[in-house]
Amino acid sequence: MNMKLQDFICFLYNNKMINVPNLLKDDENGFINRLKLQKYVFLAQTSLQNDFGYEYNIYRNGPYSPDLTNYCYEGLDLDRISSDTNEKKWTNYSAFTDRFLTLFKDKEPEWLEVASTLVDSTNYCEDEQESLNKVYAIKSMYSREYIDNIWNELKDKSLVHYESGLKSKNFLSIF
């Protein structure tokens, strides 16, 4: 059973991980809150298997879902967020929310950007070194040490891994 996006947004807001009233602002605060929401939804889907149904592509700031952005601008009811936050519907998903807070509660936007890019890279890279090399290239504004530290943290928490030969087998099976 998956948590609904509206409940997840309320959960993030209640835990001061995003500022919902700032989501739609056309300034730096709005951008940072939208970036954090994008990364939190991506990480919840990929690392904790809570499928909100959003597809992601890689963009300048890491994995990005145009459909999630459209939902924020067209479907998000800010007034309803306040009342839904008071209802705390996410408490029905305590295993998910507790794990999410443990993993991501105090992470900076930069960490979320690099971490989500690393997680995404495991979908199209053959091995750990290829993932790191791709992320070094596309996130060159961050040091290799910073990227390596995040990779090791993700590995230690079992959020990234490679299954030996899996991608090669799938590739060869089309011939």
N, C-alpha and C. Protein backbone atom coordinates (compact mmCIF):
# COMPACT_ATOMS: atom_id res chain seq x y z
N MET A 1 0.85 -1.18 0.00
CA MET A 1 0.00 0.00 0.00
C MET A 1 0.89 1.25 0.00
N ASN A 2 0.67 2.11 -0.96
CA ASN A 2 1.49 3.31 -1.11
C ASN A 2 0.82 4.54 -0.52
N MET A 3 1.63 5.39 0.06
CA MET A 3 1.14 6.67 0.54
C MET A 3 0.78 7.54 -0.67
N LYS A 4 -0.30 8.30 -0.56
CA LYS A 4 -0.71 9.21 -1.64
C LYS A 4 0.17 10.46 -1.61
N LEU A 5 0.32 11.07 -2.78
CA LEU A 5 1.18 12.24 -2.90
C LEU A 5 0.73 13.37 -1.98
N GLN A 6 -0.55 13.64 -1.91
CA GLN A 6 -1.06 14.72 -1.05
C GLN A 6 -0.64 14.48 0.40
N ASP A 7 -0.78 13.23 0.87
CA ASP A 7 -0.38 12.91 2.24
C ASP A 7 1.13 13.05 2.42
N PHE A 8 1.89 12.67 1.39
CA PHE A 8 3.34 12.79 1.45
C PHE A 8 3.76 14.26 1.54
N ILE A 9 3.13 15.11 0.75
CA ILE A 9 3.43 16.54 0.80
C ILE A 9 3.10 17.10 2.18
N CYS A 10 1.98 16.69 2.75
CA CYS A 10 1.62 17.13 4.11
C CYS A 10 2.65 16.65 5.13
N PHE A 11 3.08 15.40 4.97
CA PHE A 11 4.12 14.83 5.85
C PHE A 11 5.41 15.64 5.75
N LEU A 12 5.84 15.96 4.54
CA LEU A 12 7.06 16.75 4.35
C LEU A 12 6.91 18.14 4.98
N TYR A 13 5.76 18.75 4.79
CA TYR A 13 5.49 20.08 5.33
C TYR A 13 5.47 20.04 6.86
N ASN A 14 4.80 19.06 7.43
CA ASN A 14 4.70 18.93 8.88
C ASN A 14 6.08 18.72 9.52
N ASN A 15 6.97 18.05 8.80
CA ASN A 15 8.32 17.78 9.30
C ASN A 15 9.33 18.83 8.86
N LYS A 16 8.83 19.94 8.34
CA LYS A 16 9.65 21.09 7.94
C LYS A 16 10.72 20.74 6.91
N MET A 17 10.37 19.81 6.02
CA MET A 17 11.30 19.41 4.96
C MET A 17 11.04 20.22 3.69
N ILE A 18 9.82 20.71 3.51
CA ILE A 18 9.48 21.67 2.46
C ILE A 18 8.57 22.72 3.07
N ASN A 19 8.51 23.87 2.42
CA ASN A 19 7.61 24.93 2.82
C ASN A 19 6.56 25.06 1.72
N VAL A 20 5.41 24.47 1.94
CA VAL A 20 4.37 24.40 0.91
C VAL A 20 3.95 25.78 0.40
N PRO A 21 3.73 26.78 1.26
CA PRO A 21 3.33 28.09 0.73
C PRO A 21 4.37 28.69 -0.23
N ASN A 22 5.63 28.28 -0.12
CA ASN A 22 6.67 28.80 -1.01
C ASN A 22 6.82 28.02 -2.30
N LEU A 23 6.16 26.87 -2.43
CA LEU A 23 6.34 26.02 -3.61
C LEU A 23 6.10 26.76 -4.93
N LEU A 24 5.11 27.60 -4.96
CA LEU A 24 4.73 28.24 -6.22
C LEU A 24 5.32 29.63 -6.40
N LYS A 25 6.14 30.07 -5.46
CA LYS A 25 6.76 31.39 -5.58
C LYS A 25 7.82 31.36 -6.68
N ASP A 26 7.90 32.47 -7.39
CA ASP A 26 8.86 32.58 -8.49
C ASP A 26 10.13 33.27 -7.99
N ASP A 27 10.75 32.65 -6.99
CA ASP A 27 12.00 33.17 -6.44
C ASP A 27 12.86 31.99 -6.00
N GLU A 28 13.98 32.29 -5.36
CA GLU A 28 14.91 31.22 -4.96
C GLU A 28 14.27 30.26 -3.96
N ASN A 29 13.48 30.78 -3.01
CA ASN A 29 12.79 29.90 -2.06
C ASN A 29 11.84 28.94 -2.76
N GLY A 30 11.11 29.44 -3.73
CA GLY A 30 10.21 28.59 -4.49
C GLY A 30 10.98 27.52 -5.24
N PHE A 31 12.07 27.92 -5.90
CA PHE A 31 12.89 26.97 -6.64
C PHE A 31 13.42 25.87 -5.72
N ILE A 32 13.98 26.26 -4.57
CA ILE A 32 14.56 25.27 -3.65
C ILE A 32 13.49 24.32 -3.14
N ASN A 33 12.31 24.82 -2.82
CA ASN A 33 11.24 23.95 -2.34
C ASN A 33 10.75 23.00 -3.43
N ARG A 34 10.65 23.46 -4.66
CA ARG A 34 10.27 22.57 -5.77
C ARG A 34 11.35 21.53 -6.03
N LEU A 35 12.62 21.95 -5.98
CA LEU A 35 13.72 21.01 -6.16
C LEU A 35 13.68 19.93 -5.08
N LYS A 36 13.50 20.34 -3.83
CA LYS A 36 13.45 19.37 -2.74
C LYS A 36 12.26 18.42 -2.91
N LEU A 37 11.10 18.93 -3.30
CA LEU A 37 9.95 18.06 -3.52
C LEU A 37 10.24 17.05 -4.62
N GLN A 38 10.83 17.52 -5.72
CA GLN A 38 11.19 16.61 -6.82
C GLN A 38 12.09 15.49 -6.31
N LYS A 39 13.12 15.84 -5.55
CA LYS A 39 14.08 14.84 -5.08
C LYS A 39 13.46 13.92 -4.04
N TYR A 40 12.65 14.46 -3.13
CA TYR A 40 12.01 13.61 -2.12
C TYR A 40 11.07 12.59 -2.78
N VAL A 41 10.28 13.02 -3.74
CA VAL A 41 9.38 12.09 -4.43
C VAL A 41 10.20 11.05 -5.19
N PHE A 42 11.23 11.49 -5.89
CA PHE A 42 12.09 10.55 -6.62
C PHE A 42 12.69 9.52 -5.67
N LEU A 43 13.27 9.98 -4.57
CA LEU A 43 13.92 9.06 -3.62
C LEU A 43 12.91 8.14 -2.95
N ALA A 44 11.72 8.65 -2.66
CA ALA A 44 10.68 7.79 -2.08
C ALA A 44 10.29 6.69 -3.07
N GLN A 45 10.19 7.05 -4.34
CA GLN A 45 9.82 6.06 -5.37
C GLN A 45 10.92 5.05 -5.61
N THR A 46 12.16 5.51 -5.75
CA THR A 46 13.24 4.62 -6.16
C THR A 46 13.89 3.89 -5.00
N SER A 47 14.05 4.55 -3.88
CA SER A 47 14.78 3.95 -2.77
C SER A 47 13.88 3.27 -1.75
N LEU A 48 12.65 3.74 -1.64
CA LEU A 48 11.74 3.17 -0.64
C LEU A 48 10.49 2.56 -1.28
N GLN A 49 10.48 2.44 -2.59
CA GLN A 49 9.42 1.77 -3.35
C GLN A 49 8.01 2.27 -3.03
N ASN A 50 7.86 3.56 -2.79
CA ASN A 50 6.53 4.15 -2.66
C ASN A 50 6.21 4.81 -4.00
N ASP A 51 5.47 4.12 -4.84
CA ASP A 51 5.25 4.57 -6.21
C ASP A 51 4.14 5.62 -6.28
N PHE A 52 4.54 6.84 -6.53
CA PHE A 52 3.57 7.92 -6.73
C PHE A 52 3.14 8.01 -8.19
N GLY A 53 3.79 7.25 -9.05
CA GLY A 53 3.41 7.20 -10.46
C GLY A 53 4.09 8.23 -11.35
N TYR A 54 5.16 8.85 -10.87
CA TYR A 54 5.84 9.86 -11.67
C TYR A 54 7.06 9.28 -12.36
N GLU A 55 7.21 9.62 -13.64
CA GLU A 55 8.40 9.24 -14.39
C GLU A 55 9.37 10.40 -14.37
N TYR A 56 10.64 10.06 -14.34
CA TYR A 56 11.70 11.06 -14.24
C TYR A 56 12.67 10.95 -15.40
N ASN A 57 13.20 12.10 -15.79
CA ASN A 57 14.30 12.20 -16.75
C ASN A 57 15.41 12.98 -16.06
N ILE A 58 16.62 12.85 -16.57
CA ILE A 58 17.73 13.58 -15.96
C ILE A 58 17.79 14.99 -16.57
N TYR A 59 17.90 15.97 -15.70
CA TYR A 59 18.01 17.37 -16.10
C TYR A 59 19.20 17.99 -15.37
N ARG A 60 19.38 19.25 -15.54
CA ARG A 60 20.52 19.97 -14.94
C ARG A 60 20.65 19.74 -13.44
N ASN A 61 19.54 19.76 -12.73
CA ASN A 61 19.56 19.60 -11.28
C ASN A 61 19.22 18.18 -10.84
N GLY A 62 19.46 17.22 -11.72
CA GLY A 62 19.21 15.83 -11.36
C GLY A 62 17.88 15.35 -11.89
N PRO A 63 17.40 14.22 -11.37
CA PRO A 63 16.13 13.67 -11.85
C PRO A 63 14.99 14.68 -11.68
N TYR A 64 14.16 14.76 -12.71
CA TYR A 64 13.10 15.76 -12.75
C TYR A 64 11.88 15.17 -13.44
N SER A 65 10.72 15.41 -12.85
CA SER A 65 9.46 14.96 -13.44
C SER A 65 8.62 16.17 -13.86
N PRO A 66 8.47 16.40 -15.17
CA PRO A 66 7.60 17.50 -15.61
C PRO A 66 6.16 17.33 -15.10
N ASP A 67 5.69 16.09 -15.01
CA ASP A 67 4.32 15.86 -14.54
C ASP A 67 4.15 16.27 -13.07
N LEU A 68 5.17 16.05 -12.26
CA LEU A 68 5.10 16.49 -10.86
C LEU A 68 5.08 18.01 -10.79
N THR A 69 5.88 18.66 -11.61
CA THR A 69 5.86 20.13 -11.64
C THR A 69 4.49 20.63 -12.08
N ASN A 70 3.92 20.01 -13.11
CA ASN A 70 2.57 20.40 -13.55
C ASN A 70 1.56 20.23 -12.43
N TYR A 71 1.67 19.14 -11.68
CA TYR A 71 0.76 18.92 -10.56
C TYR A 71 0.90 20.06 -9.54
N CYS A 72 2.12 20.46 -9.25
CA CYS A 72 2.34 21.55 -8.28
C CYS A 72 1.66 22.84 -8.73
N TYR A 73 1.78 23.15 -10.02
CA TYR A 73 1.22 24.40 -10.53
C TYR A 73 -0.27 24.32 -10.81
N GLU A 74 -0.77 23.15 -11.17
CA GLU A 74 -2.16 23.04 -11.61
C GLU A 74 -3.07 22.28 -10.66
N GLY A 75 -2.53 21.33 -9.90
CA GLY A 75 -3.40 20.47 -9.11
C GLY A 75 -3.25 20.58 -7.61
N LEU A 76 -2.21 21.25 -7.16
CA LEU A 76 -1.96 21.34 -5.72
C LEU A 76 -2.87 22.37 -5.10
N ASP A 77 -3.64 21.95 -4.12
CA ASP A 77 -4.57 22.83 -3.42
C ASP A 77 -3.93 23.23 -2.09
N LEU A 78 -3.35 24.43 -2.05
CA LEU A 78 -2.63 24.87 -0.87
C LEU A 78 -3.53 24.97 0.36
N ASP A 79 -4.79 25.35 0.17
CA ASP A 79 -5.71 25.44 1.30
C ASP A 79 -5.98 24.06 1.89
N ARG A 80 -6.10 23.08 1.02
CA ARG A 80 -6.37 21.72 1.48
C ARG A 80 -5.17 21.13 2.22
N ILE A 81 -3.97 21.56 1.84
CA ILE A 81 -2.76 21.07 2.51
C ILE A 81 -2.84 21.37 4.01
N SER A 82 -3.26 22.57 4.36
CA SER A 82 -3.34 22.94 5.78
C SER A 82 -4.29 22.03 6.54
N SER A 83 -5.47 21.79 6.00
CA SER A 83 -6.42 20.92 6.71
C SER A 83 -5.96 19.47 6.71
N ASP A 84 -5.39 19.01 5.59
CA ASP A 84 -4.89 17.63 5.52
C ASP A 84 -3.70 17.42 6.45
N THR A 85 -2.88 18.45 6.62
CA THR A 85 -1.73 18.33 7.52
C THR A 85 -2.21 18.11 8.94
N ASN A 86 -3.28 18.77 9.33
CA ASN A 86 -3.83 18.58 10.68
C ASN A 86 -4.38 17.17 10.89
N GLU A 87 -4.84 16.52 9.83
CA GLU A 87 -5.38 15.17 9.94
C GLU A 87 -4.30 14.11 10.09
N LYS A 88 -3.09 14.40 9.68
CA LYS A 88 -1.94 13.50 9.81
C LYS A 88 -2.23 12.09 9.28
N LYS A 89 -2.73 12.01 8.05
CA LYS A 89 -3.05 10.72 7.44
C LYS A 89 -1.81 9.85 7.23
N TRP A 90 -0.64 10.46 7.19
CA TRP A 90 0.59 9.70 6.95
C TRP A 90 0.95 8.79 8.11
N THR A 91 0.31 8.96 9.28
CA THR A 91 0.64 8.09 10.41
C THR A 91 0.28 6.64 10.13
N ASN A 92 -0.55 6.39 9.13
CA ASN A 92 -0.87 5.02 8.73
C ASN A 92 0.30 4.35 8.01
N TYR A 93 1.32 5.11 7.69
CA TYR A 93 2.47 4.62 6.94
C TYR A 93 3.75 4.79 7.77
N SER A 94 3.70 4.49 9.04
CA SER A 94 4.82 4.82 9.94
C SER A 94 6.12 4.13 9.56
N ALA A 95 6.08 2.91 9.04
CA ALA A 95 7.33 2.25 8.64
C ALA A 95 8.02 3.06 7.54
N PHE A 96 7.23 3.49 6.56
CA PHE A 96 7.77 4.30 5.46
C PHE A 96 8.25 5.66 5.96
N THR A 97 7.41 6.37 6.73
CA THR A 97 7.76 7.73 7.15
C THR A 97 8.94 7.74 8.11
N ASP A 98 9.00 6.76 9.01
CA ASP A 98 10.13 6.69 9.94
C ASP A 98 11.44 6.48 9.17
N ARG A 99 11.41 5.56 8.22
CA ARG A 99 12.62 5.28 7.41
C ARG A 99 12.98 6.52 6.58
N PHE A 100 11.98 7.16 5.99
CA PHE A 100 12.24 8.35 5.17
C PHE A 100 12.91 9.44 6.01
N LEU A 101 12.38 9.69 7.20
CA LEU A 101 12.98 10.72 8.07
C LEU A 101 14.40 10.35 8.46
N THR A 102 14.62 9.09 8.78
CA THR A 102 15.96 8.63 9.15
C THR A 102 16.95 8.88 8.02
N LEU A 103 16.53 8.62 6.80
CA LEU A 103 17.42 8.74 5.65
C LEU A 103 17.62 10.18 5.17
N PHE A 104 16.54 10.98 5.17
CA PHE A 104 16.58 12.23 4.42
C PHE A 104 16.22 13.50 5.20
N LYS A 105 15.91 13.41 6.47
CA LYS A 105 15.38 14.55 7.23
C LYS A 105 16.27 15.79 7.18
N ASP A 106 17.53 15.65 7.43
CA ASP A 106 18.40 16.82 7.57
C ASP A 106 19.32 17.06 6.37
N LYS A 107 18.91 16.61 5.21
CA LYS A 107 19.75 16.73 4.02
C LYS A 107 19.53 18.06 3.31
N GLU A 108 20.63 18.65 2.91
CA GLU A 108 20.61 19.91 2.17
C GLU A 108 20.17 19.66 0.73
N PRO A 109 19.65 20.69 0.05
CA PRO A 109 19.24 20.53 -1.36
C PRO A 109 20.37 20.00 -2.25
N GLU A 110 21.60 20.43 -2.00
CA GLU A 110 22.73 19.96 -2.81
C GLU A 110 22.93 18.45 -2.63
N TRP A 111 22.82 17.99 -1.40
CA TRP A 111 22.95 16.55 -1.13
C TRP A 111 21.85 15.79 -1.87
N LEU A 112 20.62 16.29 -1.78
CA LEU A 112 19.49 15.63 -2.45
C LEU A 112 19.71 15.57 -3.95
N GLU A 113 20.24 16.65 -4.52
CA GLU A 113 20.51 16.70 -5.96
C GLU A 113 21.54 15.65 -6.37
N VAL A 114 22.64 15.58 -5.65
CA VAL A 114 23.69 14.61 -5.98
C VAL A 114 23.22 13.19 -5.69
N ALA A 115 22.59 12.98 -4.54
CA ALA A 115 22.13 11.63 -4.18
C ALA A 115 21.13 11.10 -5.19
N SER A 116 20.17 11.91 -5.58
CA SER A 116 19.16 11.44 -6.54
C SER A 116 19.80 11.18 -7.91
N THR A 117 20.79 11.98 -8.28
CA THR A 117 21.50 11.74 -9.55
C THR A 117 22.27 10.43 -9.48
N LEU A 118 22.90 10.16 -8.36
CA LEU A 118 23.62 8.89 -8.19
C LEU A 118 22.65 7.70 -8.26
N VAL A 119 21.54 7.80 -7.56
CA VAL A 119 20.54 6.71 -7.59
C VAL A 119 20.05 6.51 -9.01
N ASP A 120 19.75 7.60 -9.71
CA ASP A 120 19.29 7.50 -11.09
C ASP A 120 20.34 6.85 -11.99
N SER A 121 21.60 7.16 -11.76
CA SER A 121 22.67 6.62 -12.62
C SER A 121 22.74 5.10 -12.58
N THR A 122 22.26 4.50 -11.51
CA THR A 122 22.30 3.03 -11.42
C THR A 122 21.34 2.39 -12.41
N ASN A 123 20.43 3.17 -12.99
CA ASN A 123 19.49 2.65 -13.98
C ASN A 123 20.11 2.47 -15.35
N TYR A 124 21.21 3.17 -15.64
CA TYR A 124 21.76 3.10 -16.99
C TYR A 124 23.27 2.88 -17.02
N CYS A 125 23.91 2.75 -15.89
CA CYS A 125 25.35 2.47 -15.86
C CYS A 125 25.57 1.01 -15.47
N GLU A 126 26.63 0.44 -16.01
CA GLU A 126 26.93 -0.98 -15.79
C GLU A 126 27.46 -1.29 -14.40
N ASP A 127 28.19 -0.35 -13.81
CA ASP A 127 28.80 -0.65 -12.52
C ASP A 127 29.01 0.65 -11.73
N GLU A 128 29.49 0.48 -10.51
CA GLU A 128 29.67 1.60 -9.60
C GLU A 128 30.60 2.67 -10.18
N GLN A 129 31.72 2.27 -10.74
CA GLN A 129 32.68 3.25 -11.26
C GLN A 129 32.09 4.05 -12.43
N GLU A 130 31.33 3.38 -13.28
CA GLU A 130 30.69 4.10 -14.39
C GLU A 130 29.68 5.11 -13.85
N SER A 131 28.91 4.72 -12.84
CA SER A 131 27.97 5.66 -12.21
C SER A 131 28.71 6.88 -11.67
N LEU A 132 29.76 6.62 -10.92
CA LEU A 132 30.52 7.73 -10.35
C LEU A 132 31.10 8.63 -11.44
N ASN A 133 31.67 8.04 -12.47
CA ASN A 133 32.25 8.84 -13.56
C ASN A 133 31.20 9.71 -14.24
N LYS A 134 30.01 9.16 -14.47
CA LYS A 134 28.93 9.95 -15.09
C LYS A 134 28.54 11.12 -14.19
N VAL A 135 28.40 10.84 -12.90
CA VAL A 135 27.98 11.89 -11.98
C VAL A 135 29.10 12.92 -11.78
N TYR A 136 30.36 12.49 -11.76
CA TYR A 136 31.47 13.46 -11.72
C TYR A 136 31.35 14.43 -12.89
N ALA A 137 31.01 13.90 -14.06
CA ALA A 137 30.94 14.73 -15.27
C ALA A 137 29.75 15.68 -15.24
N ILE A 138 28.57 15.17 -14.89
CA ILE A 138 27.38 16.04 -14.96
C ILE A 138 27.19 16.89 -13.71
N LYS A 139 27.87 16.56 -12.64
CA LYS A 139 27.82 17.36 -11.40
C LYS A 139 29.21 17.89 -11.08
N SER A 140 29.88 18.43 -12.09
CA SER A 140 31.27 18.86 -11.94
C SER A 140 31.43 20.05 -10.99
N MET A 141 30.33 20.69 -10.61
CA MET A 141 30.42 21.80 -9.66
C MET A 141 30.66 21.28 -8.24
N TYR A 142 30.50 19.96 -8.04
CA TYR A 142 30.76 19.34 -6.74
C TYR A 142 32.07 18.56 -6.82
N SER A 143 32.78 18.50 -5.72
CA SER A 143 34.06 17.77 -5.70
C SER A 143 33.81 16.26 -5.78
N ARG A 144 34.80 15.57 -6.29
CA ARG A 144 34.72 14.10 -6.33
C ARG A 144 34.57 13.54 -4.92
N GLU A 145 35.27 14.15 -3.98
CA GLU A 145 35.19 13.68 -2.59
C GLU A 145 33.76 13.80 -2.06
N TYR A 146 33.10 14.91 -2.35
CA TYR A 146 31.71 15.11 -1.91
C TYR A 146 30.80 14.04 -2.54
N ILE A 147 30.95 13.83 -3.84
CA ILE A 147 30.15 12.82 -4.54
C ILE A 147 30.45 11.43 -3.99
N ASP A 148 31.73 11.12 -3.78
CA ASP A 148 32.11 9.81 -3.22
C ASP A 148 31.51 9.60 -1.83
N ASN A 149 31.54 10.65 -1.01
CA ASN A 149 30.98 10.54 0.34
C ASN A 149 29.48 10.24 0.29
N ILE A 150 28.77 10.90 -0.62
CA ILE A 150 27.34 10.64 -0.75
C ILE A 150 27.12 9.22 -1.27
N TRP A 151 27.90 8.80 -2.26
CA TRP A 151 27.78 7.43 -2.79
C TRP A 151 27.97 6.41 -1.66
N ASN A 152 29.00 6.61 -0.84
CA ASN A 152 29.27 5.68 0.25
C ASN A 152 28.15 5.68 1.28
N GLU A 153 27.60 6.84 1.55
CA GLU A 153 26.46 6.93 2.47
C GLU A 153 25.25 6.17 1.90
N LEU A 154 24.99 6.34 0.61
CA LEU A 154 23.88 5.63 -0.03
C LEU A 154 24.12 4.12 -0.01
N LYS A 155 25.35 3.71 -0.26
CA LYS A 155 25.69 2.28 -0.22
C LYS A 155 25.52 1.72 1.19
N ASP A 156 26.01 2.46 2.18
CA ASP A 156 25.91 2.00 3.57
C ASP A 156 24.46 1.82 4.01
N LYS A 157 23.57 2.60 3.42
CA LYS A 157 22.15 2.52 3.76
C LYS A 157 21.37 1.66 2.76
N SER A 158 22.10 0.96 1.89
CA SER A 158 21.52 0.05 0.89
C SER A 158 20.55 0.75 -0.06
N LEU A 159 20.88 1.98 -0.43
CA LEU A 159 20.04 2.73 -1.36
C LEU A 159 20.55 2.67 -2.79
N VAL A 160 21.77 2.19 -2.98
CA VAL A 160 22.32 1.93 -4.31
C VAL A 160 23.05 0.60 -4.27
N HIS A 161 22.94 -0.12 -5.36
CA HIS A 161 23.66 -1.39 -5.48
C HIS A 161 23.61 -1.84 -6.93
N TYR A 162 24.48 -2.75 -7.25
CA TYR A 162 24.50 -3.33 -8.59
C TYR A 162 24.35 -4.83 -8.48
N GLU A 163 23.50 -5.38 -9.33
CA GLU A 163 23.36 -6.83 -9.42
C GLU A 163 24.24 -7.29 -10.56
N SER A 164 25.20 -8.09 -10.25
CA SER A 164 26.22 -8.51 -11.22
C SER A 164 25.61 -9.10 -12.48
N GLY A 165 25.96 -8.51 -13.62
CA GLY A 165 25.57 -9.05 -14.92
C GLY A 165 24.15 -8.78 -15.36
N LEU A 166 23.32 -8.23 -14.52
CA LEU A 166 21.91 -8.05 -14.85
C LEU A 166 21.72 -7.19 -16.10
N LYS A 167 22.35 -6.05 -16.16
CA LYS A 167 22.16 -5.15 -17.30
C LYS A 167 22.73 -5.75 -18.57
N SER A 168 23.87 -6.43 -18.46
CA SER A 168 24.47 -7.06 -19.64
C SER A 168 23.56 -8.14 -20.20
N LYS A 169 22.96 -8.94 -19.32
CA LYS A 169 22.08 -10.01 -19.78
C LYS A 169 20.87 -9.43 -20.51
N ASN A 170 20.29 -8.38 -19.96
CA ASN A 170 19.13 -7.77 -20.62
C ASN A 170 19.51 -7.20 -21.97
N PHE A 171 20.67 -6.59 -22.06
CA PHE A 171 21.12 -6.01 -23.32
C PHE A 171 21.34 -7.11 -24.36
N LEU A 172 22.00 -8.18 -23.96
CA LEU A 172 22.31 -9.26 -24.91
C LEU A 172 21.06 -10.03 -25.32
N SER A 173 20.03 -10.01 -24.49
CA SER A 173 18.84 -10.80 -24.81
C SER A 173 18.07 -10.25 -26.01
N ILE A 174 18.38 -9.03 -26.44
CA ILE A 174 17.65 -8.49 -27.60
C ILE A 174 18.23 -8.97 -28.91
N PHE A 175 19.39 -9.64 -28.89
CA PHE A 175 20.03 -10.10 -30.13
C PHE A 175 19.66 -11.52 -30.45
